[in-house]
Amino acid sequence: MTYSDSDLQGIYEVLMKVHFHLIWTDLTNAILFNDDHYVKFYGLKNILGSNICGVGNRGIGVLFEGDINTIFNWCIDKKPLAPLRLAKLVPIYGENNSNYSEWHPYAKKLIDDFGYIKQVLSGLNVNMGTFSWTGSLVPLLEDQKSLFLTMQNHENQLISEWAIGNLNSLEMQIKQEQK
């Protein structure tokens, strides 16, 4: 018998809602696997993580059905790796990860709380860059610009520089798309 990611998502959804505290320690150990076992995290990323623009079955990943305070406390306890991994799983955009001109509250919290870790910001870029799209990318890129405009004057200089760098990159991408 074989199982698909969507089958496993359904199982994890129940586990996260009903038995979160029973599975959390084992799950976090798997999420933090490194080196030769990184492939385990990558597999879990597809099952637990959020998806943009119709990649996968869910906008907001099943991981976020769990206790959000516990998840962010885990990031504090296991930094820098835990917030980096969360950056690759977190919903980026508002609503059901589909309002591209608004930060999702979990992404915003991750930026505010862990944006001093450069790899976390890079992980968010990786997350934002993983999507499927048809037609012109310009509307998405313009919406992403509006996100970074809200961060360009952030009190954390690293976040501010990250936002400005992304704004510059988005401007170049928009010009390239409009050719």
N, C-alpha and C. Protein backbone atom coordinates (compact mmCIF):
# COMPACT_ATOMS: atom_id res chain seq x y z
N MET A 1 0.85 -1.17 0.00
CA MET A 1 0.00 0.00 0.00
C MET A 1 0.90 1.24 0.00
N THR A 2 0.54 2.22 -0.80
CA THR A 2 1.30 3.47 -0.84
C THR A 2 0.44 4.62 -0.33
N TYR A 3 1.13 5.64 0.15
CA TYR A 3 0.45 6.82 0.68
C TYR A 3 0.96 8.05 -0.03
N SER A 4 0.08 8.99 -0.26
CA SER A 4 0.47 10.26 -0.86
C SER A 4 0.69 11.29 0.24
N ASP A 5 1.32 12.40 -0.14
CA ASP A 5 1.50 13.50 0.81
C ASP A 5 0.16 13.98 1.36
N SER A 6 -0.87 14.00 0.51
CA SER A 6 -2.18 14.48 0.99
C SER A 6 -2.77 13.52 2.03
N ASP A 7 -2.52 12.21 1.88
CA ASP A 7 -2.96 11.25 2.91
C ASP A 7 -2.27 11.56 4.23
N LEU A 8 -0.96 11.77 4.15
CA LEU A 8 -0.19 12.06 5.36
C LEU A 8 -0.57 13.41 5.95
N GLN A 9 -0.89 14.37 5.10
CA GLN A 9 -1.34 15.68 5.60
C GLN A 9 -2.60 15.52 6.44
N GLY A 10 -3.51 14.68 5.98
CA GLY A 10 -4.74 14.44 6.74
C GLY A 10 -4.46 13.83 8.10
N ILE A 11 -3.53 12.89 8.14
CA ILE A 11 -3.16 12.27 9.41
C ILE A 11 -2.50 13.30 10.33
N TYR A 12 -1.55 14.04 9.77
CA TYR A 12 -0.86 15.06 10.59
C TYR A 12 -1.81 16.16 11.03
N GLU A 13 -2.79 16.48 10.23
CA GLU A 13 -3.76 17.51 10.62
C GLU A 13 -4.48 17.09 11.91
N VAL A 14 -4.92 15.85 11.96
CA VAL A 14 -5.58 15.34 13.17
C VAL A 14 -4.59 15.32 14.34
N LEU A 15 -3.39 14.83 14.08
CA LEU A 15 -2.39 14.77 15.15
C LEU A 15 -2.08 16.16 15.70
N MET A 16 -1.95 17.14 14.81
CA MET A 16 -1.62 18.50 15.25
C MET A 16 -2.76 19.12 16.05
N LYS A 17 -3.98 18.86 15.66
CA LYS A 17 -5.14 19.44 16.35
C LYS A 17 -5.44 18.73 17.67
N VAL A 18 -5.32 17.41 17.69
CA VAL A 18 -5.80 16.63 18.82
C VAL A 18 -4.67 16.16 19.75
N HIS A 19 -3.52 15.83 19.17
CA HIS A 19 -2.44 15.23 19.96
C HIS A 19 -1.13 16.01 19.84
N PHE A 20 -1.22 17.30 19.64
CA PHE A 20 -0.04 18.12 19.39
C PHE A 20 1.07 17.88 20.41
N HIS A 21 0.75 17.97 21.68
CA HIS A 21 1.79 17.88 22.72
C HIS A 21 2.36 16.47 22.85
N LEU A 22 1.65 15.46 22.37
CA LEU A 22 2.17 14.10 22.39
C LEU A 22 3.21 13.87 21.29
N ILE A 23 3.03 14.50 20.15
CA ILE A 23 3.93 14.25 19.02
C ILE A 23 5.00 15.32 18.84
N TRP A 24 4.87 16.45 19.54
CA TRP A 24 5.71 17.61 19.28
C TRP A 24 7.21 17.32 19.40
N THR A 25 7.64 16.64 20.45
CA THR A 25 9.07 16.39 20.64
C THR A 25 9.63 15.56 19.50
N ASP A 26 8.96 14.47 19.14
CA ASP A 26 9.45 13.63 18.04
C ASP A 26 9.42 14.38 16.72
N LEU A 27 8.37 15.15 16.51
CA LEU A 27 8.26 15.92 15.27
C LEU A 27 9.38 16.95 15.16
N THR A 28 9.65 17.65 16.24
CA THR A 28 10.71 18.67 16.18
C THR A 28 12.08 18.04 15.97
N ASN A 29 12.30 16.86 16.54
CA ASN A 29 13.57 16.17 16.28
C ASN A 29 13.72 15.88 14.79
N ALA A 30 12.64 15.47 14.15
CA ALA A 30 12.69 15.19 12.71
C ALA A 30 12.88 16.47 11.91
N ILE A 31 12.22 17.55 12.32
CA ILE A 31 12.36 18.82 11.61
C ILE A 31 13.79 19.34 11.70
N LEU A 32 14.47 19.06 12.80
CA LEU A 32 15.83 19.57 13.00
C LEU A 32 16.92 18.65 12.47
N PHE A 33 16.54 17.52 11.85
CA PHE A 33 17.55 16.65 11.26
C PHE A 33 18.45 17.44 10.33
N ASN A 34 19.72 17.12 10.34
CA ASN A 34 20.72 17.81 9.52
C ASN A 34 21.53 16.81 8.73
N ASP A 35 22.42 17.30 7.91
CA ASP A 35 23.39 16.52 7.15
C ASP A 35 22.72 15.41 6.36
N ASP A 36 23.10 14.15 6.62
CA ASP A 36 22.59 13.02 5.84
C ASP A 36 21.08 12.84 6.00
N HIS A 37 20.53 13.34 7.09
CA HIS A 37 19.10 13.16 7.37
C HIS A 37 18.26 14.37 6.94
N TYR A 38 18.89 15.35 6.29
CA TYR A 38 18.14 16.53 5.86
C TYR A 38 16.97 16.15 4.97
N VAL A 39 17.10 15.07 4.23
CA VAL A 39 16.03 14.63 3.33
C VAL A 39 14.74 14.37 4.12
N LYS A 40 14.86 13.99 5.39
CA LYS A 40 13.66 13.78 6.21
C LYS A 40 12.94 15.11 6.43
N PHE A 41 13.71 16.17 6.72
CA PHE A 41 13.08 17.48 6.85
C PHE A 41 12.42 17.88 5.54
N TYR A 42 13.11 17.66 4.44
CA TYR A 42 12.58 18.04 3.13
C TYR A 42 11.25 17.33 2.86
N GLY A 43 11.17 16.05 3.21
CA GLY A 43 9.91 15.33 3.05
C GLY A 43 8.82 15.88 3.95
N LEU A 44 9.18 16.19 5.19
CA LEU A 44 8.20 16.77 6.12
C LEU A 44 7.77 18.15 5.67
N LYS A 45 8.68 18.89 5.04
CA LYS A 45 8.36 20.24 4.56
C LYS A 45 7.16 20.18 3.61
N ASN A 46 7.15 19.20 2.73
CA ASN A 46 6.04 19.07 1.78
C ASN A 46 4.74 18.66 2.45
N ILE A 47 4.84 17.96 3.56
CA ILE A 47 3.65 17.50 4.27
C ILE A 47 3.14 18.55 5.26
N LEU A 48 4.05 19.17 6.00
CA LEU A 48 3.67 20.07 7.09
C LEU A 48 3.62 21.54 6.71
N GLY A 49 4.38 21.92 5.67
CA GLY A 49 4.57 23.33 5.37
C GLY A 49 3.46 23.96 4.57
N SER A 50 3.53 25.28 4.50
CA SER A 50 2.56 26.09 3.76
C SER A 50 2.93 26.12 2.29
N ASN A 51 1.95 26.41 1.44
CA ASN A 51 2.16 26.43 0.00
C ASN A 51 1.60 27.70 -0.60
N ILE A 52 2.27 28.18 -1.63
CA ILE A 52 1.91 29.43 -2.29
C ILE A 52 1.40 29.14 -3.70
N CYS A 53 0.37 29.84 -4.09
CA CYS A 53 -0.13 29.83 -5.48
C CYS A 53 -0.53 28.44 -5.96
N GLY A 54 -1.13 27.67 -5.11
CA GLY A 54 -1.64 26.39 -5.56
C GLY A 54 -0.63 25.26 -5.61
N VAL A 55 0.60 25.48 -5.10
CA VAL A 55 1.55 24.37 -5.02
C VAL A 55 1.14 23.55 -3.81
N GLY A 56 0.74 22.31 -4.00
CA GLY A 56 0.26 21.50 -2.89
C GLY A 56 -1.23 21.70 -2.66
N ASN A 57 -1.71 21.09 -1.61
CA ASN A 57 -3.15 21.08 -1.37
C ASN A 57 -3.62 22.17 -0.41
N ARG A 58 -2.71 22.76 0.35
CA ARG A 58 -3.11 23.68 1.40
C ARG A 58 -2.36 24.99 1.25
N GLY A 59 -2.99 26.07 1.66
CA GLY A 59 -2.29 27.34 1.72
C GLY A 59 -1.45 27.43 2.98
N ILE A 60 -2.08 27.15 4.11
CA ILE A 60 -1.39 27.18 5.40
C ILE A 60 -1.12 25.75 5.82
N GLY A 61 0.13 25.45 6.09
CA GLY A 61 0.54 24.09 6.40
C GLY A 61 -0.07 23.54 7.68
N VAL A 62 -0.16 22.21 7.73
CA VAL A 62 -0.77 21.55 8.89
C VAL A 62 0.03 21.78 10.17
N LEU A 63 1.31 22.09 10.06
CA LEU A 63 2.10 22.39 11.26
C LEU A 63 1.44 23.50 12.07
N PHE A 64 0.82 24.43 11.38
CA PHE A 64 0.25 25.61 12.02
C PHE A 64 -1.16 25.37 12.58
N GLU A 65 -1.60 24.09 12.55
CA GLU A 65 -2.80 23.68 13.26
C GLU A 65 -2.47 23.46 14.74
N GLY A 66 -1.16 23.37 15.03
CA GLY A 66 -0.71 23.11 16.40
C GLY A 66 -0.67 24.36 17.25
N ASP A 67 -0.07 24.23 18.41
CA ASP A 67 0.03 25.30 19.40
C ASP A 67 1.11 26.30 18.95
N ILE A 68 0.68 27.44 18.46
CA ILE A 68 1.60 28.44 17.89
C ILE A 68 2.58 28.94 18.94
N ASN A 69 2.13 29.15 20.16
CA ASN A 69 3.06 29.61 21.20
C ASN A 69 4.16 28.60 21.45
N THR A 70 3.81 27.33 21.48
CA THR A 70 4.82 26.27 21.65
C THR A 70 5.79 26.26 20.48
N ILE A 71 5.28 26.45 19.27
CA ILE A 71 6.13 26.46 18.08
C ILE A 71 7.14 27.60 18.16
N PHE A 72 6.69 28.80 18.52
CA PHE A 72 7.62 29.93 18.60
C PHE A 72 8.55 29.82 19.81
N ASN A 73 8.11 29.23 20.90
CA ASN A 73 9.02 28.99 22.03
C ASN A 73 10.10 27.99 21.65
N TRP A 74 9.75 26.99 20.85
CA TRP A 74 10.72 26.03 20.32
C TRP A 74 11.78 26.75 19.50
N CYS A 75 11.35 27.73 18.72
CA CYS A 75 12.31 28.52 17.94
C CYS A 75 13.30 29.25 18.84
N ILE A 76 12.82 29.76 19.95
CA ILE A 76 13.71 30.43 20.91
C ILE A 76 14.70 29.43 21.49
N ASP A 77 14.20 28.27 21.89
CA ASP A 77 15.04 27.26 22.54
C ASP A 77 16.04 26.62 21.58
N LYS A 78 15.71 26.52 20.32
CA LYS A 78 16.54 25.78 19.36
C LYS A 78 17.09 26.67 18.25
N LYS A 79 17.28 27.95 18.56
CA LYS A 79 17.82 28.84 17.53
C LYS A 79 19.31 28.55 17.35
N PRO A 80 19.87 28.75 16.20
CA PRO A 80 19.29 29.38 15.02
C PRO A 80 18.57 28.41 14.07
N LEU A 81 18.73 27.09 14.27
CA LEU A 81 18.20 26.14 13.28
C LEU A 81 16.67 26.10 13.26
N ALA A 82 16.02 26.09 14.41
CA ALA A 82 14.55 25.99 14.43
C ALA A 82 13.88 27.15 13.70
N PRO A 83 14.25 28.42 13.96
CA PRO A 83 13.59 29.49 13.21
C PRO A 83 13.91 29.44 11.71
N LEU A 84 15.10 28.96 11.35
CA LEU A 84 15.43 28.80 9.93
C LEU A 84 14.50 27.78 9.29
N ARG A 85 14.30 26.65 9.95
CA ARG A 85 13.40 25.63 9.40
C ARG A 85 11.97 26.16 9.34
N LEU A 86 11.56 26.89 10.38
CA LEU A 86 10.20 27.45 10.37
C LEU A 86 10.03 28.44 9.22
N ALA A 87 11.08 29.18 8.88
CA ALA A 87 11.01 30.14 7.77
C ALA A 87 10.67 29.44 6.46
N LYS A 88 11.05 28.19 6.33
CA LYS A 88 10.77 27.44 5.10
C LYS A 88 9.39 26.79 5.12
N LEU A 89 8.71 26.84 6.26
CA LEU A 89 7.40 26.20 6.42
C LEU A 89 6.26 27.20 6.60
N VAL A 90 6.58 28.38 7.08
CA VAL A 90 5.57 29.35 7.50
C VAL A 90 4.76 29.89 6.32
N PRO A 91 3.47 30.17 6.54
CA PRO A 91 2.73 30.89 5.49
C PRO A 91 3.27 32.31 5.39
N ILE A 92 3.54 32.77 4.20
CA ILE A 92 4.11 34.10 3.98
C ILE A 92 3.03 35.16 3.88
N TYR A 93 1.98 34.86 3.17
CA TYR A 93 0.98 35.87 2.80
C TYR A 93 -0.27 35.79 3.66
N GLY A 94 -0.99 36.89 3.71
CA GLY A 94 -2.20 37.00 4.51
C GLY A 94 -3.29 36.04 4.07
N GLU A 95 -4.31 36.00 4.91
CA GLU A 95 -5.47 35.14 4.71
C GLU A 95 -5.01 33.69 4.63
N ASN A 96 -5.37 32.98 3.60
CA ASN A 96 -5.00 31.57 3.45
C ASN A 96 -3.74 31.43 2.60
N ASN A 97 -2.77 32.32 2.84
CA ASN A 97 -1.53 32.38 2.07
C ASN A 97 -1.83 32.77 0.63
N SER A 98 -2.89 33.58 0.44
CA SER A 98 -3.30 33.96 -0.90
C SER A 98 -3.45 35.47 -1.08
N ASN A 99 -3.33 36.24 -0.02
CA ASN A 99 -3.35 37.70 -0.13
C ASN A 99 -1.91 38.17 -0.18
N TYR A 100 -1.39 38.30 -1.40
CA TYR A 100 0.04 38.49 -1.61
C TYR A 100 0.55 39.87 -1.21
N SER A 101 -0.32 40.79 -0.88
CA SER A 101 0.12 42.13 -0.50
C SER A 101 0.12 42.33 1.02
N GLU A 102 -0.06 41.24 1.77
CA GLU A 102 -0.12 41.34 3.22
C GLU A 102 0.68 40.20 3.85
N TRP A 103 1.49 40.52 4.87
CA TRP A 103 2.22 39.48 5.59
C TRP A 103 1.26 38.63 6.40
N HIS A 104 1.48 37.33 6.41
CA HIS A 104 0.75 36.48 7.34
C HIS A 104 1.27 36.79 8.74
N PRO A 105 0.41 36.80 9.75
CA PRO A 105 0.88 37.13 11.11
C PRO A 105 2.02 36.25 11.61
N TYR A 106 2.06 34.97 11.20
CA TYR A 106 3.15 34.09 11.65
C TYR A 106 4.47 34.47 10.97
N ALA A 107 4.41 34.83 9.70
CA ALA A 107 5.62 35.28 9.01
C ALA A 107 6.13 36.58 9.62
N LYS A 108 5.20 37.49 9.89
CA LYS A 108 5.58 38.78 10.50
C LYS A 108 6.21 38.56 11.87
N LYS A 109 5.65 37.67 12.66
CA LYS A 109 6.21 37.36 13.98
C LYS A 109 7.61 36.75 13.84
N LEU A 110 7.77 35.86 12.89
CA LEU A 110 9.08 35.24 12.66
C LEU A 110 10.11 36.30 12.29
N ILE A 111 9.73 37.22 11.42
CA ILE A 111 10.64 38.31 11.03
C ILE A 111 10.97 39.18 12.23
N ASP A 112 9.96 39.60 12.96
CA ASP A 112 10.19 40.49 14.11
C ASP A 112 11.01 39.82 15.21
N ASP A 113 10.75 38.55 15.46
CA ASP A 113 11.42 37.86 16.57
C ASP A 113 12.78 37.28 16.20
N PHE A 114 12.97 36.89 14.93
CA PHE A 114 14.19 36.19 14.54
C PHE A 114 14.87 36.78 13.31
N GLY A 115 14.45 37.96 12.90
CA GLY A 115 15.03 38.60 11.72
C GLY A 115 16.46 39.04 11.91
N TYR A 116 16.95 38.97 13.12
CA TYR A 116 18.36 39.28 13.36
C TYR A 116 19.26 38.12 12.92
N ILE A 117 18.65 36.99 12.58
CA ILE A 117 19.39 35.82 12.07
C ILE A 117 19.28 35.84 10.55
N LYS A 118 20.39 36.13 9.89
CA LYS A 118 20.38 36.31 8.43
C LYS A 118 19.81 35.10 7.70
N GLN A 119 20.12 33.89 8.18
CA GLN A 119 19.64 32.68 7.52
C GLN A 119 18.11 32.56 7.57
N VAL A 120 17.50 33.12 8.60
CA VAL A 120 16.03 33.10 8.68
C VAL A 120 15.45 33.94 7.55
N LEU A 121 16.03 35.11 7.32
CA LEU A 121 15.56 35.97 6.23
C LEU A 121 15.79 35.29 4.88
N SER A 122 16.93 34.61 4.74
CA SER A 122 17.19 33.86 3.50
C SER A 122 16.18 32.73 3.33
N GLY A 123 15.84 32.05 4.43
CA GLY A 123 14.84 30.99 4.37
C GLY A 123 13.47 31.50 3.95
N LEU A 124 13.13 32.69 4.40
CA LEU A 124 11.86 33.30 3.96
C LEU A 124 11.90 33.59 2.47
N ASN A 125 13.05 34.03 1.95
CA ASN A 125 13.18 34.26 0.51
C ASN A 125 12.99 32.95 -0.26
N VAL A 126 13.58 31.87 0.26
CA VAL A 126 13.41 30.56 -0.39
C VAL A 126 11.93 30.19 -0.41
N ASN A 127 11.27 30.37 0.71
CA ASN A 127 9.84 30.06 0.82
C ASN A 127 9.05 30.90 -0.19
N MET A 128 9.32 32.20 -0.24
CA MET A 128 8.59 33.09 -1.15
C MET A 128 8.86 32.75 -2.61
N GLY A 129 10.01 32.18 -2.89
CA GLY A 129 10.38 31.86 -4.26
C GLY A 129 9.91 30.50 -4.73
N THR A 130 9.16 29.79 -3.89
CA THR A 130 8.67 28.46 -4.24
C THR A 130 7.18 28.55 -4.52
N PHE A 131 6.83 28.63 -5.79
CA PHE A 131 5.43 28.77 -6.17
C PHE A 131 5.26 28.38 -7.63
N SER A 132 4.01 28.18 -8.03
CA SER A 132 3.71 28.02 -9.45
C SER A 132 2.80 29.17 -9.84
N TRP A 133 2.87 29.56 -11.10
CA TRP A 133 2.14 30.75 -11.54
C TRP A 133 1.90 30.63 -13.03
N THR A 134 0.78 31.12 -13.49
CA THR A 134 0.54 31.23 -14.93
C THR A 134 0.30 32.69 -15.26
N GLY A 135 0.69 33.08 -16.43
CA GLY A 135 0.53 34.47 -16.85
C GLY A 135 1.67 35.34 -16.35
N SER A 136 1.45 36.62 -16.40
CA SER A 136 2.48 37.58 -16.00
C SER A 136 2.75 37.50 -14.50
N LEU A 137 4.03 37.54 -14.15
CA LEU A 137 4.42 37.56 -12.74
C LEU A 137 4.33 38.96 -12.13
N VAL A 138 4.15 39.97 -12.96
CA VAL A 138 4.19 41.35 -12.48
C VAL A 138 3.21 41.61 -11.32
N PRO A 139 1.96 41.15 -11.38
CA PRO A 139 1.07 41.40 -10.23
C PRO A 139 1.60 40.82 -8.91
N LEU A 140 2.14 39.60 -8.96
CA LEU A 140 2.70 39.00 -7.76
C LEU A 140 3.91 39.80 -7.28
N LEU A 141 4.78 40.16 -8.19
CA LEU A 141 5.99 40.92 -7.83
C LEU A 141 5.63 42.28 -7.24
N GLU A 142 4.62 42.92 -7.80
CA GLU A 142 4.16 44.22 -7.26
C GLU A 142 3.62 44.05 -5.84
N ASP A 143 2.86 42.97 -5.62
CA ASP A 143 2.36 42.70 -4.27
C ASP A 143 3.51 42.42 -3.30
N GLN A 144 4.50 41.66 -3.76
CA GLN A 144 5.66 41.40 -2.91
C GLN A 144 6.38 42.70 -2.56
N LYS A 145 6.45 43.61 -3.52
CA LYS A 145 7.05 44.92 -3.23
C LYS A 145 6.32 45.61 -2.09
N SER A 146 5.00 45.54 -2.10
CA SER A 146 4.25 46.20 -1.03
C SER A 146 4.56 45.58 0.33
N LEU A 147 4.84 44.28 0.36
CA LEU A 147 5.24 43.64 1.61
C LEU A 147 6.56 44.22 2.12
N PHE A 148 7.53 44.28 1.22
CA PHE A 148 8.86 44.73 1.64
C PHE A 148 8.89 46.22 1.94
N LEU A 149 8.00 46.98 1.34
CA LEU A 149 7.91 48.41 1.68
C LEU A 149 7.57 48.59 3.16
N THR A 150 6.79 47.66 3.71
CA THR A 150 6.43 47.76 5.13
C THR A 150 7.61 47.45 6.05
N MET A 151 8.66 46.87 5.49
CA MET A 151 9.82 46.46 6.30
C MET A 151 11.05 47.34 6.07
N GLN A 152 11.00 48.23 5.09
CA GLN A 152 12.23 48.95 4.73
C GLN A 152 12.72 49.89 5.84
N ASN A 153 11.86 50.29 6.74
CA ASN A 153 12.26 51.15 7.86
C ASN A 153 12.16 50.42 9.19
N HIS A 154 12.33 49.12 9.16
CA HIS A 154 12.23 48.30 10.37
C HIS A 154 13.30 48.73 11.36
N GLU A 155 12.99 48.63 12.64
CA GLU A 155 13.95 49.03 13.68
C GLU A 155 15.21 48.16 13.68
N ASN A 156 15.09 46.92 13.20
CA ASN A 156 16.24 46.04 13.07
C ASN A 156 16.90 46.33 11.73
N GLN A 157 18.14 46.79 11.76
CA GLN A 157 18.82 47.20 10.53
C GLN A 157 18.97 46.05 9.54
N LEU A 158 19.21 44.84 10.03
CA LEU A 158 19.36 43.69 9.13
C LEU A 158 18.06 43.45 8.35
N ILE A 159 16.93 43.57 9.03
CA ILE A 159 15.63 43.40 8.37
C ILE A 159 15.41 44.52 7.36
N SER A 160 15.74 45.72 7.75
CA SER A 160 15.60 46.87 6.85
C SER A 160 16.44 46.68 5.58
N GLU A 161 17.69 46.26 5.75
CA GLU A 161 18.57 46.02 4.60
C GLU A 161 18.05 44.87 3.74
N TRP A 162 17.52 43.84 4.38
CA TRP A 162 16.94 42.71 3.65
C TRP A 162 15.76 43.18 2.81
N ALA A 163 14.91 44.01 3.40
CA ALA A 163 13.74 44.53 2.68
C ALA A 163 14.18 45.39 1.50
N ILE A 164 15.14 46.26 1.70
CA ILE A 164 15.62 47.14 0.62
C ILE A 164 16.26 46.31 -0.49
N GLY A 165 17.04 45.31 -0.12
CA GLY A 165 17.63 44.42 -1.13
C GLY A 165 16.57 43.70 -1.94
N ASN A 166 15.52 43.25 -1.27
CA ASN A 166 14.42 42.59 -1.98
C ASN A 166 13.66 43.56 -2.86
N LEU A 167 13.47 44.79 -2.40
CA LEU A 167 12.81 45.81 -3.23
C LEU A 167 13.60 46.05 -4.50
N ASN A 168 14.91 46.17 -4.38
CA ASN A 168 15.76 46.38 -5.57
C ASN A 168 15.68 45.19 -6.51
N SER A 169 15.72 43.99 -5.95
CA SER A 169 15.63 42.78 -6.77
C SER A 169 14.27 42.68 -7.46
N LEU A 170 13.22 43.01 -6.75
CA LEU A 170 11.88 42.97 -7.34
C LEU A 170 11.73 43.98 -8.47
N GLU A 171 12.31 45.16 -8.30
CA GLU A 171 12.28 46.16 -9.38
C GLU A 171 12.92 45.61 -10.65
N MET A 172 14.08 44.96 -10.48
CA MET A 172 14.76 44.37 -11.65
C MET A 172 13.93 43.26 -12.26
N GLN A 173 13.32 42.42 -11.43
CA GLN A 173 12.49 41.33 -11.95
C GLN A 173 11.27 41.87 -12.70
N ILE A 174 10.67 42.92 -12.17
CA ILE A 174 9.51 43.52 -12.83
C ILE A 174 9.91 44.07 -14.19
N LYS A 175 11.02 44.77 -14.26
CA LYS A 175 11.50 45.30 -15.55
C LYS A 175 11.76 44.17 -16.53
N GLN A 176 12.35 43.09 -16.04
CA GLN A 176 12.64 41.94 -16.90
C GLN A 176 11.33 41.31 -17.40
N GLU A 177 10.35 41.17 -16.54
CA GLU A 177 9.06 40.58 -16.92
C GLU A 177 8.31 41.45 -17.92
N GLN A 178 8.49 42.75 -17.85
CA GLN A 178 7.75 43.67 -18.72
C GLN A 178 8.37 43.80 -20.10
N LYS A 179 9.52 43.21 -20.32
CA LYS A 179 10.16 43.28 -21.65
C LYS A 179 9.41 42.47 -22.67
